[in-house]
PDB file of N, CA and C in Angstrom:
ATOM      1  N   UNK A   1      -9.478 -10.754  18.118  1.00  0.00           N
ATOM      2  CA  UNK A   1      -8.579  -9.413  18.279  1.00  0.00           C
ATOM      3  C   UNK A   1      -7.533 -10.559  19.525  1.00  0.00           C
ATOM      4  N   UNK A   2      -6.085  -9.713  19.440  1.00  0.00           N
ATOM      5  CA  UNK A   2      -4.912  -9.908  20.121  1.00  0.00           C
ATOM      6  C   UNK A   2      -5.334  -9.444  21.826  1.00  0.00           C
ATOM      7  N   UNK A   3      -4.307 -10.182  22.376  1.00  0.00           N
ATOM      8  CA  UNK A   3      -4.092  -9.709  23.829  1.00  0.00           C
ATOM      9  C   UNK A   3      -3.768  -8.165  23.334  1.00  0.00           C
ATOM     10  N   UNK A   4      -4.431  -7.695  24.851  1.00  0.00           N
ATOM     11  CA  UNK A   4      -4.200  -5.825  24.879  1.00  0.00           C
ATOM     12  C   UNK A   4      -2.439  -6.182  25.087  1.00  0.00           C
ATOM     13  N   UNK A   5      -2.352  -6.822  26.221  1.00  0.00           N
ATOM     14  CA  UNK A   5      -1.105  -7.070  26.771  1.00  0.00           C
ATOM     15  C   UNK A   5       0.116  -6.962  25.810  1.00  0.00           C
ATOM     16  N   UNK A   6       0.186  -7.861  24.351  1.00  0.00           N
ATOM     17  CA  UNK A   6       0.645  -8.011  23.531  1.00  0.00           C
ATOM     18  C   UNK A   6       1.308  -6.502  23.030  1.00  0.00           C
ATOM     19  N   UNK A   7      -0.430  -6.486  22.315  1.00  0.00           N
ATOM     20  CA  UNK A   7      -0.522  -5.257  21.745  1.00  0.00           C
ATOM     21  C   UNK A   7       0.252  -3.424  22.554  1.00  0.00           C
ATOM     22  N   UNK A   8       0.262  -3.428  23.408  1.00  0.00           N
ATOM     23  CA  UNK A   8       0.677  -2.637  24.508  1.00  0.00           C
ATOM     24  C   UNK A   8       2.064  -2.586  24.604  1.00  0.00           C
ATOM     25  N   UNK A   9       2.537  -4.269  24.321  1.00  0.00           N
ATOM     26  CA  UNK A   9       4.023  -4.500  24.747  1.00  0.00           C
ATOM     27  C   UNK A   9       5.074  -4.166  23.692  1.00  0.00           C
ATOM     28  N   UNK A  10       4.088  -4.201  22.478  1.00  0.00           N
ATOM     29  CA  UNK A  10       4.393  -4.457  21.012  1.00  0.00           C
ATOM     30  C   UNK A  10       4.917  -1.896  20.674  1.00  0.00           C
ATOM     31  N   UNK A  11       3.616  -1.629  21.279  1.00  0.00           N
ATOM     32  CA  UNK A  11       3.508  -0.595  20.868  1.00  0.00           C
ATOM     33  C   UNK A  11       4.523   0.147  22.191  1.00  0.00           C
ATOM     34  N   UNK A  12       4.772  -0.054  23.248  1.00  0.00           N
ATOM     35  CA  UNK A  12       6.385   0.054  24.022  1.00  0.00           C
ATOM     36  C   UNK A  12       7.451   0.248  22.929  1.00  0.00           C
ATOM     37  N   UNK A  13       7.625  -0.926  22.852  1.00  0.00           N
ATOM     38  CA  UNK A  13       8.361  -1.490  21.721  1.00  0.00           C
ATOM     39  C   UNK A  13       9.147  -0.255  20.809  1.00  0.00           C
ATOM     40  N   UNK A  14       8.102   0.098  19.989  1.00  0.00           N
ATOM     41  CA  UNK A  14       7.757   1.230  19.125  1.00  0.00           C
ATOM     42  C   UNK A  14       8.314   2.503  19.751  1.00  0.00           C
ATOM     43  N   UNK A  15       7.791   3.007  20.896  1.00  0.00           N
ATOM     44  CA  UNK A  15       8.178   3.963  21.136  1.00  0.00           C
ATOM     45  C   UNK A  15       9.522   3.997  21.557  1.00  0.00           C
ATOM     46  N   UNK A  16      10.125   2.672  22.303  1.00  0.00           N
ATOM     47  CA  UNK A  16      11.402   3.156  22.220  1.00  0.00           C
ATOM     48  C   UNK A  16      12.289   2.883  21.213  1.00  0.00           C
ATOM     49  N   UNK A  17      11.448   2.709  20.454  1.00  0.00           N
ATOM     50  CA  UNK A  17      13.038   2.658  19.233  1.00  0.00           C
ATOM     51  C   UNK A  17      12.548   3.806  18.904  1.00  0.00           C
ATOM     52  N   UNK A  18      11.633   4.696  18.694  1.00  0.00           N
ATOM     53  CA  UNK A  18      11.470   6.262  18.129  1.00  0.00           C
ATOM     54  C   UNK A  18      12.569   6.680  19.213  1.00  0.00           C
ATOM     55  N   UNK A  19      12.314   6.700  19.804  1.00  0.00           N
ATOM     56  CA  UNK A  19      13.396   7.494  20.938  1.00  0.00           C
ATOM     57  C   UNK A  19      14.512   7.455  20.828  1.00  0.00           C
ATOM     58  N   UNK A  20      14.987   5.959  21.118  1.00  0.00           N
ATOM     59  CA  UNK A  20      16.150   5.560  20.945  1.00  0.00           C
ATOM     60  C   UNK A  20      17.253   5.139  19.812  1.00  0.00           C
ATOM     61  N   UNK A  21      15.853   5.061  18.653  1.00  0.00           N
ATOM     62  CA  UNK A  21      16.897   4.840  17.504  1.00  0.00           C
ATOM     63  C   UNK A  21      18.199   5.442  16.151  1.00  0.00           C
ATOM     64  N   UNK A  22      17.782   6.408  16.610  1.00  0.00           N
ATOM     65  CA  UNK A  22      19.302   7.670  16.639  1.00  0.00           C
ATOM     66  C   UNK A  22      20.323   7.084  17.575  1.00  0.00           C
ATOM     67  N   UNK A  23      20.245   6.877  18.173  1.00  0.00           N
ATOM     68  CA  UNK A  23      21.070   6.620  19.529  1.00  0.00           C
ATOM     69  C   UNK A  23      21.811   5.400  18.573  1.00  0.00           C
ATOM     70  N   UNK A  24      21.120   4.601  18.610  1.00  0.00           N
ATOM     71  CA  UNK A  24      21.685   2.683  18.638  1.00  0.00           C
ATOM     72  C   UNK A  24      22.182   3.130  17.128  1.00  0.00           C
ATOM     73  N   UNK A  25      21.424   4.072  16.012  1.00  0.00           N
ATOM     74  CA  UNK A  25      22.479   4.195  14.693  1.00  0.00           C
ATOM     75  C   UNK A  25      23.496   4.421  14.866  1.00  0.00           C
ATOM     76  N   UNK A  26      23.806   5.427  15.988  1.00  0.00           N
ATOM     77  CA  UNK A  26      25.169   6.357  15.649  1.00  0.00           C
ATOM     78  C   UNK A  26      26.200   5.646  16.178  1.00  0.00           C
ATOM     79  N   UNK A  27      25.660   4.884  17.385  1.00  0.00           N
ATOM     80  CA  UNK A  27      26.653   3.877  17.884  1.00  0.00           C
ATOM     81  C   UNK A  27      27.066   2.653  17.336  1.00  0.00           C
ATOM     82  N   UNK A  28      25.992   2.446  16.504  1.00  0.00           N
ATOM     83  CA  UNK A  28      26.605   1.097  15.337  1.00  0.00           C
ATOM     84  C   UNK A  28      26.943   1.394  14.103  1.00  0.00           C
ATOM     85  N   UNK A  29      27.042   2.800  13.909  1.00  0.00           N
ATOM     86  CA  UNK A  29      28.314   3.317  13.106  1.00  0.00           C
ATOM     87  C   UNK A  29      29.343   3.702  13.376  1.00  0.00           C
ATOM     88  N   UNK A  30      29.317   3.730  14.394  1.00  0.00           N
ATOM     89  CA  UNK A  30      30.962   3.739  15.171  1.00  0.00           C
ATOM     90  C   UNK A  30      31.517   2.610  15.269  1.00  0.00           C
ATOM     91  N   UNK A  31      31.199   1.557  15.594  1.00  0.00           N
ATOM     92  CA  UNK A  31      31.249   0.155  15.571  1.00  0.00           C
ATOM     93  C   UNK A  31      31.731  -0.346  14.876  1.00  0.00           C
ATOM     94  N   UNK A  32      30.852  -0.011  13.841  1.00  0.00           N
ATOM     95  CA  UNK A  32      31.203  -0.542  12.110  1.00  0.00           C
ATOM     96  C   UNK A  32      32.293  -0.155  11.229  1.00  0.00           C
ATOM     97  N   UNK A  33      32.482   0.997  11.836  1.00  0.00           N
ATOM     98  CA  UNK A  33      33.932   1.709  11.876  1.00  0.00           C
ATOM     99  C   UNK A  33      35.317   1.480  11.753  1.00  0.00           C
ATOM    100  N   UNK A  34      35.960   0.111  10.501  1.00  0.00           N
ATOM    101  CA  UNK A  34      37.064  -0.334  10.869  1.00  0.00           C
ATOM    102  C   UNK A  34      38.266   1.154  11.296  1.00  0.00           C
ATOM    103  N   UNK A  35      38.121   1.953  11.205  1.00  0.00           N
ATOM    104  CA  UNK A  35      39.212   2.971  11.248  1.00  0.00           C
ATOM    105  C   UNK A  35      39.334   3.718  12.522  1.00  0.00           C
ATOM    106  N   UNK A  36      38.507   3.688  13.170  1.00  0.00           N
ATOM    107  CA  UNK A  36      37.785   3.904  14.552  1.00  0.00           C
ATOM    108  C   UNK A  36      39.044   3.394  15.525  1.00  0.00           C
ATOM    109  N   UNK A  37      39.820   4.070  16.403  1.00  0.00           N
ATOM    110  CA  UNK A  37      40.441   3.620  17.109  1.00  0.00           C
ATOM    111  C   UNK A  37      39.763   2.257  18.536  1.00  0.00           C
ATOM    112  N   UNK A  38      40.466   1.359  18.494  1.00  0.00           N
ATOM    113  CA  UNK A  38      39.627  -0.470  18.909  1.00  0.00           C
ATOM    114  C   UNK A  38      39.073   0.708  20.447  1.00  0.00           C
ATOM    115  N   UNK A  39      39.888   0.755  21.433  1.00  0.00           N
ATOM    116  CA  UNK A  39      39.651   1.439  22.603  1.00  0.00           C
ATOM    117  C   UNK A  39      37.451   2.332  22.186  1.00  0.00           C
ATOM    118  N   UNK A  40      37.661   3.172  21.051  1.00  0.00           N
ATOM    119  CA  UNK A  40      36.776   3.829  21.264  1.00  0.00           C
ATOM    120  C   UNK A  40      35.115   2.799  20.486  1.00  0.00           C
ATOM    121  N   UNK A  41      35.533   2.356  19.802  1.00  0.00           N
ATOM    122  CA  UNK A  41      34.645   1.245  19.555  1.00  0.00           C
ATOM    123  C   UNK A  41      33.954  -0.363  20.477  1.00  0.00           C
ATOM    124  N   UNK A  42      35.274  -0.212  21.036  1.00  0.00           N
ATOM    125  CA  UNK A  42      34.779  -1.014  22.319  1.00  0.00           C
ATOM    126  C   UNK A  42      34.055  -0.317  23.375  1.00  0.00           C
ATOM    127  N   UNK A  43      34.085   0.543  23.833  1.00  0.00           N
ATOM    128  CA  UNK A  43      33.390   1.668  24.769  1.00  0.00           C
ATOM    129  C   UNK A  43      32.386   1.779  23.671  1.00  0.00           C
ATOM    130  N   UNK A  44      31.841   1.812  22.425  1.00  0.00           N
ATOM    131  CA  UNK A  44      30.471   2.041  22.035  1.00  0.00           C
ATOM    132  C   UNK A  44      29.642   0.802  22.027  1.00  0.00           C
ATOM    133  N   UNK A  45      30.300  -0.410  21.604  1.00  0.00           N
ATOM    134  CA  UNK A  45      29.789  -1.785  22.122  1.00  0.00           C
ATOM    135  C   UNK A  45      29.388  -1.497  23.338  1.00  0.00           C
ATOM    136  N   UNK A  46      29.685  -1.214  24.617  1.00  0.00           N
ATOM    137  CA  UNK A  46      29.556  -1.104  26.047  1.00  0.00           C
ATOM    138  C   UNK A  46      28.401  -0.368  25.994  1.00  0.00           C
ATOM    139  N   UNK A  47      28.288   0.972  25.663  1.00  0.00           N
ATOM    140  CA  UNK A  47      27.450   1.329  25.554  1.00  0.00           C
ATOM    141  C   UNK A  47      26.248   1.091  24.939  1.00  0.00           C
ATOM    142  N   UNK A  48      26.268  -0.013  23.323  1.00  0.00           N
ATOM    143  CA  UNK A  48      24.982  -0.015  23.280  1.00  0.00           C
ATOM    144  C   UNK A  48      24.569  -1.457  23.861  1.00  0.00           C
ATOM    145  N   UNK A  49      25.664  -2.241  24.810  1.00  0.00           N
ATOM    146  CA  UNK A  49      24.388  -3.406  25.592  1.00  0.00           C
ATOM    147  C   UNK A  49      23.925  -2.649  26.765  1.00  0.00           C
ATOM    148  N   UNK A  50      24.346  -1.221  27.060  1.00  0.00           N
ATOM    149  CA  UNK A  50      23.829  -0.683  28.263  1.00  0.00           C
ATOM    150  C   UNK A  50      22.031  -0.527  28.021  1.00  0.00           C
ATOM    151  N   UNK A  51      22.210  -0.112  26.805  1.00  0.00           N
ATOM    152  CA  UNK A  51      20.425   0.072  25.974  1.00  0.00           C
ATOM    153  C   UNK A  51      19.392  -0.611  26.686  1.00  0.00           C
ATOM    154  N   UNK A  52      18.367  -0.527  26.596  1.00  0.00           N
ATOM    155  CA  UNK A  52      17.283  -1.542  26.677  1.00  0.00           C
ATOM    156  C   UNK A  52      16.380  -2.548  25.226  1.00  0.00           C
ATOM    157  N   UNK A  53      16.837  -3.888  25.272  1.00  0.00           N
ATOM    158  CA  UNK A  53      16.164  -4.260  24.610  1.00  0.00           C
ATOM    159  C   UNK A  53      15.318  -4.179  23.601  1.00  0.00           C
ATOM    160  N   UNK A  54      14.529  -3.829  24.008  1.00  0.00           N
ATOM    161  CA  UNK A  54      13.305  -3.025  23.594  1.00  0.00           C
ATOM    162  C   UNK A  54      13.486  -2.283  22.455  1.00  0.00           C
ATOM    163  N   UNK A  55      14.741  -1.496  22.157  1.00  0.00           N
ATOM    164  CA  UNK A  55      14.650  -0.406  21.801  1.00  0.00           C
ATOM    165  C   UNK A  55      15.041  -1.005  20.065  1.00  0.00           C
ATOM    166  N   UNK A  56      15.441  -1.829  20.292  1.00  0.00           N
ATOM    167  CA  UNK A  56      16.236  -2.406  18.585  1.00  0.00           C
ATOM    168  C   UNK A  56      14.693  -2.848  17.572  1.00  0.00           C
ATOM    169  N   UNK A  57      15.106  -2.553  16.295  1.00  0.00           N
ATOM    170  CA  UNK A  57      13.857  -2.318  15.951  1.00  0.00           C
ATOM    171  C   UNK A  57      13.365  -4.073  15.218  1.00  0.00           C
ATOM    172  N   UNK A  58      13.823  -4.699  15.422  1.00  0.00           N
ATOM    173  CA  UNK A  58      13.896  -5.985  14.863  1.00  0.00           C
ATOM    174  C   UNK A  58      13.202  -6.624  16.273  1.00  0.00           C
ATOM    175  N   UNK A  59      13.224  -6.025  17.398  1.00  0.00           N
ATOM    176  CA  UNK A  59      12.241  -6.925  18.599  1.00  0.00           C
ATOM    177  C   UNK A  59      10.626  -6.293  18.255  1.00  0.00           C
ATOM    178  N   UNK A  60      10.191  -5.687  17.176  1.00  0.00           N
ATOM    179  CA  UNK A  60       8.996  -4.688  16.489  1.00  0.00           C
ATOM    180  C   UNK A  60       8.313  -6.529  16.126  1.00  0.00           C
ATOM    181  N   UNK A  61       7.119  -6.246  16.087  1.00  0.00           N
ATOM    182  CA  UNK A  61       6.251  -7.078  15.701  1.00  0.00           C
ATOM    183  C   UNK A  61       5.259  -6.149  14.630  1.00  0.00           C
ATOM    184  N   UNK A  62       4.954  -6.976  13.327  1.00  0.00           N
ATOM    185  CA  UNK A  62       3.682  -6.655  12.473  1.00  0.00           C
ATOM    186  C   UNK A  62       2.515  -6.919  12.919  1.00  0.00           C
ATOM    187  N   UNK A  63       1.587  -6.144  13.324  1.00  0.00           N
ATOM    188  CA  UNK A  63       0.571  -6.650  13.351  1.00  0.00           C
ATOM    189  C   UNK A  63      -0.295  -6.053  12.440  1.00  0.00           C
ATOM    190  N   UNK A  64      -2.094  -6.139  12.913  1.00  0.00           N
ATOM    191  CA  UNK A  64      -3.002  -5.532  12.038  1.00  0.00           C
ATOM    192  C   UNK A  64      -3.592  -4.221  12.984  1.00  0.00           C
ATOM    193  N   UNK A  65      -3.931  -3.645  12.258  1.00  0.00           N
ATOM    194  CA  UNK A  65      -4.433  -1.889  12.738  1.00  0.00           C
ATOM    195  C   UNK A  65      -5.817  -2.243  13.345  1.00  0.00           C
ATOM    196  N   UNK A  66      -6.401  -3.006  12.694  1.00  0.00           N
ATOM    197  CA  UNK A  66      -8.046  -3.518  13.839  1.00  0.00           C
ATOM    198  C   UNK A  66      -7.693  -4.394  14.869  1.00  0.00           C
ATOM    199  N   UNK A  67      -7.401  -5.121  14.559  1.00  0.00           N
ATOM    200  CA  UNK A  67      -6.999  -6.360  15.597  1.00  0.00           C
ATOM    201  C   UNK A  67      -6.197  -6.573  16.257  1.00  0.00           C
ATOM    202  N   UNK A  68      -5.419  -6.172  16.009  1.00  0.00           N
ATOM    203  CA  UNK A  68      -4.102  -6.539  16.936  1.00  0.00           C
ATOM    204  C   UNK A  68      -3.009  -7.837  16.455  1.00  0.00           C
ATOM    205  N   UNK A  69      -3.872  -8.757  15.388  1.00  0.00           N
ATOM    206  CA  UNK A  69      -3.054  -9.782  15.151  1.00  0.00           C
ATOM    207  C   UNK A  69      -2.059  -9.958  14.676  1.00  0.00           C
ATOM    208  N   UNK A  70      -1.065 -10.572  15.067  1.00  0.00           N
ATOM    209  CA  UNK A  70       0.410 -10.927  14.566  1.00  0.00           C
ATOM    210  C   UNK A  70       0.903 -11.680  13.681  1.00  0.00           C
ATOM    211  N   UNK A  71      -0.385 -12.178  13.053  1.00  0.00           N
ATOM    212  CA  UNK A  71       0.375 -12.986  11.911  1.00  0.00           C
ATOM    213  C   UNK A  71      -0.522 -12.456  10.714  1.00  0.00           C
ATOM    214  N   UNK A  72      -0.197 -13.407   9.189  1.00  0.00           N
ATOM    215  CA  UNK A  72      -0.771 -12.789   8.179  1.00  0.00           C
ATOM    216  C   UNK A  72      -1.086 -11.570   7.797  1.00  0.00           C
ATOM    217  N   UNK A  73      -0.013 -10.859   7.774  1.00  0.00           N
ATOM    218  CA  UNK A  73      -0.456  -9.345   7.911  1.00  0.00           C
ATOM    219  C   UNK A  73       0.204  -8.814   6.614  1.00  0.00           C
ATOM    220  N   UNK A  74      -0.295  -8.142   6.037  1.00  0.00           N
ATOM    221  CA  UNK A  74      -0.315  -7.824   4.102  1.00  0.00           C
ATOM    222  C   UNK A  74       0.255  -6.208   4.737  1.00  0.00           C
ATOM    223  N   UNK A  75       1.897  -6.226   4.292  1.00  0.00           N
ATOM    224  CA  UNK A  75       1.982  -4.669   4.670  1.00  0.00           C
ATOM    225  C   UNK A  75       1.976  -3.609   4.040  1.00  0.00           C
ATOM    226  N   UNK A  76       1.068  -3.547   2.960  1.00  0.00           N
ATOM    227  CA  UNK A  76       0.704  -2.893   2.039  1.00  0.00           C
ATOM    228  C   UNK A  76      -0.404  -1.692   2.468  1.00  0.00           C
ATOM    229  N   UNK A  77      -1.188  -2.595   3.058  1.00  0.00           N
ATOM    230  CA  UNK A  77      -2.412  -2.362   4.356  1.00  0.00           C
ATOM    231  C   UNK A  77      -2.568  -2.137   5.670  1.00  0.00           C
ATOM    232  N   UNK A  78      -1.253  -2.736   6.143  1.00  0.00           N
ATOM    233  CA  UNK A  78      -1.283  -2.913   7.279  1.00  0.00           C
ATOM    234  C   UNK A  78      -2.156  -3.741   8.351  1.00  0.00           C
ATOM    235  N   UNK A  79      -2.640  -5.023   7.225  1.00  0.00           N
ATOM    236  CA  UNK A  79      -3.484  -5.033   7.899  1.00  0.00           C
ATOM    237  C   UNK A  79      -4.234  -6.805   7.926  1.00  0.00           C
ATOM    238  N   UNK A  80      -4.568  -7.647   8.989  1.00  0.00           N
ATOM    239  CA  UNK A  80      -4.242  -9.020   8.427  1.00  0.00           C
ATOM    240  C   UNK A  80      -5.554  -9.777   7.158  1.00  0.00           C
ATOM    241  N   UNK A  81      -4.968 -10.720   7.195  1.00  0.00           N
ATOM    242  CA  UNK A  81      -5.887 -11.422   5.818  1.00  0.00           C
ATOM    243  C   UNK A  81      -7.419 -11.570   6.119  1.00  0.00           C
ATOM    244  N   UNK A  82      -7.156 -12.076   7.714  1.00  0.00           N
ATOM    245  CA  UNK A  82      -9.029 -11.794   7.556  1.00  0.00           C
ATOM    246  C   UNK A  82      -9.788 -10.332   7.794  1.00  0.00           C
ATOM    247  N   UNK A  83      -9.130  -9.352   8.093  1.00  0.00           N
ATOM    248  CA  UNK A  83      -9.843  -7.773   7.886  1.00  0.00           C
ATOM    249  C   UNK A  83      -9.548  -7.542   7.053  1.00  0.00           C
ATOM    250  N   UNK A  84      -8.308  -7.716   6.302  1.00  0.00           N
ATOM    251  CA  UNK A  84      -8.522  -7.050   4.774  1.00  0.00           C
ATOM    252  C   UNK A  84      -9.139  -8.029   3.823  1.00  0.00           C
ATOM    253  N   UNK A  85     -10.043  -9.315   3.750  1.00  0.00           N
ATOM    254  CA  UNK A  85     -11.120  -9.738   3.229  1.00  0.00           C
ATOM    255  C   UNK A  85     -12.010  -8.946   4.019  1.00  0.00           C
ATOM    256  N   UNK A  86     -12.442  -8.808   5.006  1.00  0.00           N
ATOM    257  CA  UNK A  86     -13.602  -8.389   5.327  1.00  0.00           C
ATOM    258  C   UNK A  86     -13.903  -7.172   4.923  1.00  0.00           C
ATOM    259  N   UNK A  87     -12.962  -6.718   4.779  1.00  0.00           N
ATOM    260  CA  UNK A  87     -13.209  -4.525   4.407  1.00  0.00           C
ATOM    261  C   UNK A  87     -13.111  -4.787   3.155  1.00  0.00           C
ATOM    262  N   UNK A  88     -12.380  -5.840   2.290  1.00  0.00           N
ATOM    263  CA  UNK A  88     -12.354  -5.934   0.666  1.00  0.00           C
ATOM    264  C   UNK A  88     -13.943  -6.027   0.142  1.00  0.00           C
ATOM    265  N   UNK A  89     -14.957  -6.615   0.670  1.00  0.00           N
ATOM    266  CA  UNK A  89     -15.968  -7.220   0.708  1.00  0.00           C
ATOM    267  C   UNK A  89     -16.658  -6.894   0.912  1.00  0.00           C
ATOM    268  N   UNK A  90     -16.721  -5.646   1.829  1.00  0.00           N
ATOM    269  CA  UNK A  90     -17.900  -5.257   2.048  1.00  0.00           C
ATOM    270  C   UNK A  90     -17.287  -3.423   1.084  1.00  0.00           C
ATOM    271  N   UNK A  91     -16.068  -3.582   0.239  1.00  0.00           N
ATOM    272  CA  UNK A  91     -15.877  -2.307  -0.598  1.00  0.00           C
ATOM    273  C   UNK A  91     -15.207  -0.991   0.403  1.00  0.00           C
ATOM    274  N   UNK A  92     -14.690  -1.536   1.280  1.00  0.00           N
ATOM    275  CA  UNK A  92     -14.400  -0.367   1.785  1.00  0.00           C
ATOM    276  C   UNK A  92     -12.884   0.151   1.642  1.00  0.00           C
ATOM    277  N   UNK A  93     -12.185  -0.370   1.187  1.00  0.00           N
ATOM    278  CA  UNK A  93     -10.631  -0.373   0.773  1.00  0.00           C
ATOM    279  C   UNK A  93     -10.645  -0.449  -1.073  1.00  0.00           C
ATOM    280  N   UNK A  94     -10.337   1.263  -1.300  1.00  0.00           N
ATOM    281  CA  UNK A  94     -10.754   1.456  -2.643  1.00  0.00           C
ATOM    282  C   UNK A  94      -9.246   0.912  -3.558  1.00  0.00           C
ATOM    283  N   UNK A  95      -9.755   0.155  -4.503  1.00  0.00           N
ATOM    284  CA  UNK A  95      -8.602  -0.666  -6.024  1.00  0.00           C
ATOM    285  C   UNK A  95      -8.714  -1.797  -5.272  1.00  0.00           C
ATOM    286  N   UNK A  96      -9.635  -2.348  -4.648  1.00  0.00           N
ATOM    287  CA  UNK A  96      -9.743  -3.986  -3.881  1.00  0.00           C
ATOM    288  C   UNK A  96     -11.038  -4.543  -4.602  1.00  0.00           C
ATOM    289  N   UNK A  97     -10.942  -5.397  -5.776  1.00  0.00           N
ATOM    290  CA  UNK A  97     -12.123  -6.168  -5.481  1.00  0.00           C
ATOM    291  C   UNK A  97     -11.371  -7.905  -5.666  1.00  0.00           C
ATOM    292  N   UNK A  98     -12.268  -8.539  -5.572  1.00  0.00           N
ATOM    293  CA  UNK A  98     -12.459  -9.963  -5.300  1.00  0.00           C
ATOM    294  C   UNK A  98     -11.801 -10.394  -6.573  1.00  0.00           C
ATOM    295  N   UNK A  99     -11.147 -11.168  -6.734  1.00  0.00           N
ATOM    296  CA  UNK A  99     -10.735 -11.940  -8.356  1.00  0.00           C
ATOM    297  C   UNK A  99     -11.320 -12.727  -8.546  1.00  0.00           C
ATOM    298  N   UNK A 100     -11.970 -12.913  -9.597  1.00  0.00           N
ATOM    299  CA  UNK A 100     -12.851 -13.932 -10.218  1.00  0.00           C
ATOM    300  C   UNK A 100     -12.295 -14.765 -11.621  1.00  0.00           C
ATOM    301  N   UNK A 101     -12.006 -15.795 -12.251  1.00  0.00           N
ATOM    302  CA  UNK A 101     -11.343 -16.139 -13.159  1.00  0.00           C
ATOM    303  C   UNK A 101     -12.295 -17.249 -13.608  1.00  0.00           C
TER     304      UNK A 101
END
């Protein structure tokens, strides 16, 4: 199991991104628009800098849905390699079988 504080911190970041993600995207679109006036673009840069850093999408970490483990995740299942192997061995993941050749 991962530290509860780390999992909670990541959940907080996801919630912030969900609430402020649209606003961040609009500001970034204004900044990227080369035809907008320079003052407007600079104002958008300042507003973006005032927003919390944890509202950025790239601050999130992929974690296992069961254990919260931050490494060795399979995006398709949202599980870490250990939990994936355990569930697959017990036959609780439909369509997943242990390979043998």
